[in-house]
Amino acid sequence: MNPKELKEYIDEKAPNAYETFFASAKEYQNEKNQKRQPAKRWNERKVDRSVEKMWDGVISTIHNSLSLNIKGEDRKSYEAWVEFIEKSEFLVSFEEQIAEIEFE
């Protein structure tokens, strides 16, 4: 499973994680944006892109972390990834962690 496939899998199986993250991260980015000089403030689209980049970073970190638990040729197998994710109940803990995330 590559990072793009993992992102699609999480979006499908745990849509609340993305929605929760997006809301919290957007609030954080908007607060940051308000501290900028008026002439240097970002428009809404740039704020949203920044939040998307943050989400991509989360997915990348998760992908790297999960890949350490999937050995050898199984790293290329989508089914092996799904099996590990389901067996470890990763999505449950992931959604809980996202709900508790705080940005500084």
C-alpha atoms as a PDB file:
ATOM      1  CA  MET A   1       0.000   0.000   0.000  1.00  0.00           C
ATOM      2  CA  ASN A   2       1.425   3.338  -0.922  1.00  0.00           C
ATOM      3  CA  PRO A   3       0.636   6.631   0.865  1.00  0.00           C
ATOM      4  CA  LYS A   4      -2.043   7.577  -1.675  1.00  0.00           C
ATOM      5  CA  GLU A   5      -3.821   4.241  -1.207  1.00  0.00           C
ATOM      6  CA  LEU A   6      -3.559   4.603   2.570  1.00  0.00           C
ATOM      7  CA  LYS A   7      -5.101   8.081   2.367  1.00  0.00           C
ATOM      8  CA  GLU A   8      -7.974   6.750   0.272  1.00  0.00           C
ATOM      9  CA  TYR A   9      -8.446   3.836   2.675  1.00  0.00           C
ATOM     10  CA  ILE A  10      -8.562   6.112   5.720  1.00  0.00           C
ATOM     11  CA  ASP A  11     -10.893   8.547   3.954  1.00  0.00           C
ATOM     12  CA  GLU A  12     -13.252   5.678   3.196  1.00  0.00           C
ATOM     13  CA  LYS A  13     -13.072   3.764   6.478  1.00  0.00           C
ATOM     14  CA  ALA A  14     -12.639   6.672   8.909  1.00  0.00           C
ATOM     15  CA  PRO A  15     -14.140   9.789   7.306  1.00  0.00           C
ATOM     16  CA  ASN A  16     -14.669  11.424  10.696  1.00  0.00           C
ATOM     17  CA  ALA A  17     -10.911  11.468  11.265  1.00  0.00           C
ATOM     18  CA  TYR A  18     -10.370  13.691   8.238  1.00  0.00           C
ATOM     19  CA  GLU A  19     -13.324  15.942   9.056  1.00  0.00           C
ATOM     20  CA  THR A  20     -12.202  16.344  12.671  1.00  0.00           C
ATOM     21  CA  PHE A  21      -8.616  17.004  11.650  1.00  0.00           C
ATOM     22  CA  PHE A  22      -9.634  19.481   8.953  1.00  0.00           C
ATOM     23  CA  ALA A  23     -11.822  21.480  11.351  1.00  0.00           C
ATOM     24  CA  SER A  24      -9.123  21.665  14.046  1.00  0.00           C
ATOM     25  CA  ALA A  25      -6.290  22.378  11.631  1.00  0.00           C
ATOM     26  CA  LYS A  26      -8.295  25.036   9.812  1.00  0.00           C
ATOM     27  CA  GLU A  27      -9.076  26.781  13.090  1.00  0.00           C
ATOM     28  CA  TYR A  28      -5.360  26.683  13.927  1.00  0.00           C
ATOM     29  CA  GLN A  29      -4.367  28.028  10.496  1.00  0.00           C
ATOM     30  CA  ASN A  30      -6.995  30.794  10.679  1.00  0.00           C
ATOM     31  CA  GLU A  31      -5.681  31.857  14.090  1.00  0.00           C
ATOM     32  CA  LYS A  32      -2.152  31.923  12.680  1.00  0.00           C
ATOM     33  CA  ASN A  33      -3.383  33.855   9.691  1.00  0.00           C
ATOM     34  CA  GLN A  34      -4.987  36.545  11.854  1.00  0.00           C
ATOM     35  CA  LYS A  35      -1.607  37.204  13.473  1.00  0.00           C
ATOM     36  CA  ARG A  36      -0.069  38.023  10.099  1.00  0.00           C
ATOM     37  CA  GLN A  37       0.144  41.587   8.874  1.00  0.00           C
ATOM     38  CA  PRO A  38      -3.052  42.394   6.912  1.00  0.00           C
ATOM     39  CA  ALA A  39      -1.187  42.635   3.621  1.00  0.00           C
ATOM     40  CA  LYS A  40       0.396  39.218   4.177  1.00  0.00           C
ATOM     41  CA  ARG A  41      -2.708  37.298   5.228  1.00  0.00           C
ATOM     42  CA  TRP A  42      -3.621  34.236   3.250  1.00  0.00           C
ATOM     43  CA  ASN A  43      -6.861  33.866   1.368  1.00  0.00           C
ATOM     44  CA  GLU A  44      -9.239  31.014   2.196  1.00  0.00           C
ATOM     45  CA  ARG A  45      -7.888  28.821  -0.590  1.00  0.00           C
ATOM     46  CA  LYS A  46      -4.316  29.083   0.662  1.00  0.00           C
ATOM     47  CA  VAL A  47      -5.441  28.266   4.207  1.00  0.00           C
ATOM     48  CA  ASP A  48      -7.252  25.168   2.912  1.00  0.00           C
ATOM     49  CA  ARG A  49      -4.185  24.071   0.932  1.00  0.00           C
ATOM     50  CA  SER A  50      -2.063  24.445   4.040  1.00  0.00           C
ATOM     51  CA  VAL A  51      -4.476  22.239   5.994  1.00  0.00           C
ATOM     52  CA  GLU A  52      -4.398  19.652   3.177  1.00  0.00           C
ATOM     53  CA  LYS A  53      -0.592  19.638   3.348  1.00  0.00           C
ATOM     54  CA  MET A  54      -0.820  19.066   7.086  1.00  0.00           C
ATOM     55  CA  TRP A  55      -3.154  16.095   6.482  1.00  0.00           C
ATOM     56  CA  ASP A  56      -0.770  14.723   3.860  1.00  0.00           C
ATOM     57  CA  GLY A  57       1.980  14.946   6.481  1.00  0.00           C
ATOM     58  CA  VAL A  58      -0.134  12.953   8.931  1.00  0.00           C
ATOM     59  CA  ILE A  59      -0.781  10.292   6.287  1.00  0.00           C
ATOM     60  CA  SER A  60       2.920  10.128   5.417  1.00  0.00           C
ATOM     61  CA  THR A  61       3.885   9.706   9.070  1.00  0.00           C
ATOM     62  CA  ILE A  62       1.267   6.990   9.554  1.00  0.00           C
ATOM     63  CA  HIS A  63       2.385   5.226   6.395  1.00  0.00           C
ATOM     64  CA  ASN A  64       5.987   5.180   7.595  1.00  0.00           C
ATOM     65  CA  SER A  65       4.951   3.976  11.031  1.00  0.00           C
ATOM     66  CA  LEU A  66       2.685   1.214   9.750  1.00  0.00           C
ATOM     67  CA  SER A  67       5.252   0.062   7.201  1.00  0.00           C
ATOM     68  CA  LEU A  68       7.604  -0.833  10.066  1.00  0.00           C
ATOM     69  CA  ASN A  69       5.063  -3.459  11.154  1.00  0.00           C
ATOM     70  CA  ILE A  70       4.579  -5.020   7.735  1.00  0.00           C
ATOM     71  CA  LYS A  71       7.492  -7.200   6.767  1.00  0.00           C
ATOM     72  CA  GLY A  72       9.173  -8.102   3.497  1.00  0.00           C
ATOM     73  CA  GLU A  73       7.118  -8.575   0.375  1.00  0.00           C
ATOM     74  CA  ASP A  74       3.919  -7.920   2.325  1.00  0.00           C
ATOM     75  CA  ARG A  75       4.792  -4.205   2.208  1.00  0.00           C
ATOM     76  CA  LYS A  76       3.707  -4.251  -1.425  1.00  0.00           C
ATOM     77  CA  SER A  77       0.485  -6.120  -0.705  1.00  0.00           C
ATOM     78  CA  TYR A  78      -2.617  -3.988  -0.228  1.00  0.00           C
ATOM     79  CA  GLU A  79      -4.347  -6.922   1.446  1.00  0.00           C
ATOM     80  CA  ALA A  80      -1.525  -7.342   3.981  1.00  0.00           C
ATOM     81  CA  TRP A  81      -1.839  -3.689   4.947  1.00  0.00           C
ATOM     82  CA  VAL A  82      -5.620  -3.946   5.342  1.00  0.00           C
ATOM     83  CA  GLU A  83      -5.234  -7.114   7.396  1.00  0.00           C
ATOM     84  CA  PHE A  84      -2.730  -5.442   9.726  1.00  0.00           C
ATOM     85  CA  ILE A  85      -4.832  -2.272  10.049  1.00  0.00           C
ATOM     86  CA  GLU A  86      -7.943  -4.262  10.899  1.00  0.00           C
ATOM     87  CA  LYS A  87      -6.220  -6.752  13.215  1.00  0.00           C
ATOM     88  CA  SER A  88      -4.510  -3.983  15.183  1.00  0.00           C
ATOM     89  CA  GLU A  89      -7.700  -1.887  15.293  1.00  0.00           C
ATOM     90  CA  PHE A  90      -5.566   0.999  14.109  1.00  0.00           C
ATOM     91  CA  LEU A  91      -8.454   3.111  12.827  1.00  0.00           C
ATOM     92  CA  VAL A  92     -10.156   3.183  16.225  1.00  0.00           C
ATOM     93  CA  SER A  93      -7.083   4.522  17.988  1.00  0.00           C
ATOM     94  CA  PHE A  94      -6.305   6.819  15.053  1.00  0.00           C
ATOM     95  CA  GLU A  95      -9.735   8.461  15.229  1.00  0.00           C
ATOM     96  CA  GLU A  96      -9.350   8.896  18.992  1.00  0.00           C
ATOM     97  CA  GLN A  97      -5.929  10.496  18.555  1.00  0.00           C
ATOM     98  CA  ILE A  98      -7.205  12.846  15.869  1.00  0.00           C
ATOM     99  CA  ALA A  99     -10.079  13.898  18.143  1.00  0.00           C
ATOM    100  CA  GLU A 100      -7.554  14.822  20.844  1.00  0.00           C
ATOM    101  CA  ILE A 101      -5.053  16.587  18.603  1.00  0.00           C
ATOM    102  CA  GLU A 102      -3.980  20.094  19.591  1.00  0.00           C
ATOM    103  CA  PHE A 103      -1.978  22.433  17.428  1.00  0.00           C
ATOM    104  CA  GLU A 104       0.528  24.918  18.815  1.00  0.00           C
END
